[in-house]
Protein backbone atom coordinates (compact mmCIF):
# COMPACT_ATOMS: atom_id res chain seq x y z
CA UNK A 1 -3.97 -1.58 -2.46
CA UNK A 2 -0.62 -2.28 -0.84
CA UNK A 3 1.85 0.56 -1.17
CA UNK A 4 5.50 0.28 -0.09
CA UNK A 5 7.32 3.59 -0.24
CA UNK A 6 10.18 4.39 2.06
CA UNK A 7 11.48 7.93 2.12
CA UNK A 8 10.71 9.98 -0.97
CA UNK A 9 9.10 6.85 -2.48
CA UNK A 10 6.05 8.11 -0.60
CA UNK A 11 5.30 10.82 -3.23
CA UNK A 12 3.20 8.79 -5.68
CA UNK A 13 1.35 7.03 -2.91
CA UNK A 14 0.34 10.25 -1.26
CA UNK A 15 -1.16 11.25 -4.62
CA UNK A 16 -2.94 7.85 -4.93
CA UNK A 17 -4.40 8.26 -1.48
CA UNK A 18 -5.50 11.82 -2.04
CA UNK A 19 -7.15 10.89 -5.37
CA UNK A 20 -9.05 7.99 -3.83
CA UNK A 21 -10.17 10.04 -0.83
CA UNK A 22 -11.39 12.83 -3.08
CA UNK A 23 -13.20 10.34 -5.32
CA UNK A 24 -14.95 8.86 -2.27
CA UNK A 25 -15.89 12.31 -1.01
CA UNK A 26 -17.28 13.27 -4.41
CA UNK A 27 -19.29 10.04 -4.54
CA UNK A 28 -20.76 10.83 -1.10
CA UNK A 29 -21.78 14.31 -2.30
CA UNK A 30 -23.37 12.89 -5.44
CA UNK A 31 -25.17 10.21 -3.39
CA UNK A 32 -26.59 12.90 -1.08
CA UNK A 33 -27.68 15.01 -4.04
CA UNK A 34 -29.49 12.07 -5.66
CA UNK A 35 -31.15 11.21 -2.36
CA UNK A 36 -32.36 14.81 -1.92
CA UNK A 37 -33.65 15.13 -5.50
CA UNK A 38 -36.45 13.37 -7.35
CA UNK A 39 -34.07 12.26 -10.10
CA UNK A 40 -32.25 8.94 -10.11
CA UNK A 41 -28.48 8.57 -10.35
CA UNK A 42 -26.51 7.02 -13.13
CA UNK A 43 -25.90 3.94 -11.03
CA UNK A 44 -22.11 4.13 -11.12
CA UNK A 45 -20.37 3.84 -7.80
CA UNK A 46 -16.78 4.38 -6.83
CA UNK A 47 -15.64 1.47 -4.73
CA UNK A 48 -12.27 1.84 -3.10
CA UNK A 49 -10.88 -1.12 -1.22
CA UNK A 50 -8.54 -0.96 1.75
CA UNK A 51 -5.29 1.00 1.40
CA UNK A 52 -2.19 -0.19 3.28
CA UNK A 53 0.85 2.07 3.23
CA UNK A 54 4.21 0.74 4.37
CA UNK A 55 6.38 3.79 4.97
CA UNK A 56 9.91 3.67 6.30
CA UNK A 57 12.63 6.17 7.04
CA UNK A 58 15.52 6.48 9.49
CA UNK A 59 14.00 8.64 12.17
CA UNK A 60 10.41 9.71 12.85
CA UNK A 61 11.51 13.16 14.10
CA UNK A 62 13.66 13.91 11.03
CA UNK A 63 12.39 11.95 7.99
CA UNK A 64 8.72 11.11 8.49
CA UNK A 65 7.53 12.97 5.35
CA UNK A 66 3.85 14.11 5.76
CA UNK A 67 3.82 12.21 9.04
CA UNK A 68 0.95 14.17 10.59
CA UNK A 69 -1.20 13.77 7.46
CA UNK A 70 -0.47 10.03 7.18
CA UNK A 71 -1.12 9.49 10.86
CA UNK A 72 -4.36 11.48 10.60
CA UNK A 73 -5.56 9.34 7.67
CA UNK A 74 -4.68 6.23 9.66
CA UNK A 75 -6.53 7.46 12.75
CA UNK A 76 -9.66 8.30 10.76
CA UNK A 77 -9.59 4.85 9.11
CA UNK A 78 -8.86 6.01 5.57
CA UNK A 79 -5.63 4.02 5.34
CA UNK A 80 -3.77 1.45 7.39
CA UNK A 81 -0.28 2.84 8.07
CA UNK A 82 2.66 0.55 8.81
CA UNK A 83 5.78 2.45 9.72
CA UNK A 84 9.40 1.35 10.07
CA UNK A 85 11.94 3.73 11.56
CA UNK A 86 15.27 2.05 11.09
CA UNK A 87 17.45 4.18 13.38
CA UNK A 88 15.16 4.61 16.40
CA UNK A 89 15.67 1.32 18.20
CA UNK A 90 18.43 -1.00 19.14
CA UNK A 91 17.76 -3.02 15.99
CA UNK A 92 17.02 -1.65 12.55
CA UNK A 93 13.45 -2.17 11.31
CA UNK A 94 12.57 -1.93 7.61
CA UNK A 95 9.38 -1.95 5.56
CA UNK A 96 9.91 -5.49 4.37
CA UNK A 97 9.80 -6.64 8.01
CA UNK A 98 6.50 -4.86 8.55
CA UNK A 99 5.20 -6.52 5.38
CA UNK A 100 6.07 -9.96 6.78
CA UNK A 101 4.45 -9.13 10.11
CA UNK A 102 1.06 -8.56 8.48
CA UNK A 103 1.51 -11.16 5.80
CA UNK A 104 -1.94 -12.64 6.37
CA UNK A 105 -3.60 -9.29 5.71
CA UNK A 106 -1.46 -8.73 2.62
CA UNK A 107 -2.30 -12.20 1.33
CA UNK A 108 -6.00 -11.50 1.88
CA UNK A 109 -5.74 -8.30 -0.16
CA UNK A 110 -3.91 -10.07 -2.97
CA UNK A 111 -6.45 -12.87 -3.10
CA UNK A 112 -9.25 -10.27 -3.08
CA UNK A 113 -7.89 -8.63 -6.22
CA UNK A 114 -5.56 -6.11 -4.59
CA UNK A 115 -2.62 -4.40 -6.20
CA UNK A 116 0.93 -3.97 -4.88
CA UNK A 117 3.00 -0.89 -5.72
CA UNK A 118 6.64 -0.44 -4.65
CA UNK A 119 8.38 2.89 -5.08
CA UNK A 120 11.85 3.84 -3.95
CA UNK A 121 15.43 2.72 -3.94
CA UNK A 122 16.16 -0.22 -6.28
CA UNK A 123 19.55 -0.87 -4.74
CA UNK A 124 18.36 -2.86 -1.71
CA UNK A 125 14.79 -1.96 -0.66
CA UNK A 126 12.94 -3.11 -3.78
CA UNK A 127 14.69 -6.44 -3.86
CA UNK A 128 14.18 -6.95 -0.10
CA UNK A 129 10.51 -6.12 -0.46
CA UNK A 130 10.10 -8.62 -3.31
CA UNK A 131 11.74 -11.31 -1.19
CA UNK A 132 9.32 -10.51 1.65
CA UNK A 133 6.34 -10.66 -0.75
CA UNK A 134 7.51 -14.06 -2.04
CA UNK A 135 7.81 -15.28 1.58
CA UNK A 136 4.28 -14.07 2.33
CA UNK A 137 2.93 -15.80 -0.77
CA UNK A 138 4.70 -19.02 0.21
CA UNK A 139 3.63 -18.96 3.86
CA UNK A 140 0.07 -17.67 3.48
CA UNK A 141 -0.69 -19.17 0.08
CA UNK A 142 0.80 -22.57 0.79
CA UNK A 143 3.06 -22.44 -2.25
CA UNK A 144 6.64 -23.57 -2.76
CA UNK A 145 9.27 -21.08 -3.98
CA UNK A 146 8.55 -21.72 -7.67
CA UNK A 147 4.81 -21.38 -7.06
CA UNK A 148 5.34 -18.09 -5.24
CA UNK A 149 7.43 -16.73 -8.07
CA UNK A 150 4.82 -17.81 -10.57
CA UNK A 151 2.05 -16.09 -8.53
CA UNK A 152 4.06 -12.85 -8.29
CA UNK A 153 4.77 -12.99 -12.03
CA UNK A 154 1.06 -13.40 -12.70
CA UNK A 155 0.40 -10.30 -10.54
CA UNK A 156 3.00 -8.38 -12.57
CA UNK A 157 1.65 -9.62 -15.87
CA UNK A 158 -1.85 -8.48 -14.96
CA UNK A 159 -0.61 -5.05 -13.77
CA UNK A 160 -1.29 -5.84 -10.12
CA UNK A 161 2.38 -5.71 -9.08
CA UNK A 162 4.24 -2.59 -10.19
CA UNK A 163 7.62 -1.23 -9.23
CA UNK A 164 8.77 2.31 -9.80
CA UNK A 165 12.32 2.18 -8.49
CA UNK A 166 15.57 3.99 -9.05
CA UNK A 167 19.22 3.45 -8.28
CA UNK A 168 20.79 5.95 -5.91
């Protein structure tokens, strides 16, 4: 799962992550119970693939919502966290730049059946993220611009590319 959520766009992704982590924890408890008992399990397993969160805000010290929790999840290996703090350096850095930087990983996730979710400002961020995704698909997937657009549309049609965006 690839999640792009600058600022308050983080809210649904934090819920996704918590839900998946709790499901994995519950599965581990059930597996231990089945192992300790003479009864067999029902055979259903919860399989959660990698989770990449692209989070951006202006300043880490002012706007990094749930920063300690996100960093903790990253450090324990539960998620891969890509941050972009646009007002901390000499040049502004945004989530779409981080997306391009790890385009090979993103492409691998897409080709492996991954989903992309974008949540946040529709005014500029969502469009810029879509352009970055199209560039990744072109570069990593060896497609031309039309082929990249078709691939992204196929993701959207199959429910694997979703945008929950608003105008501010």
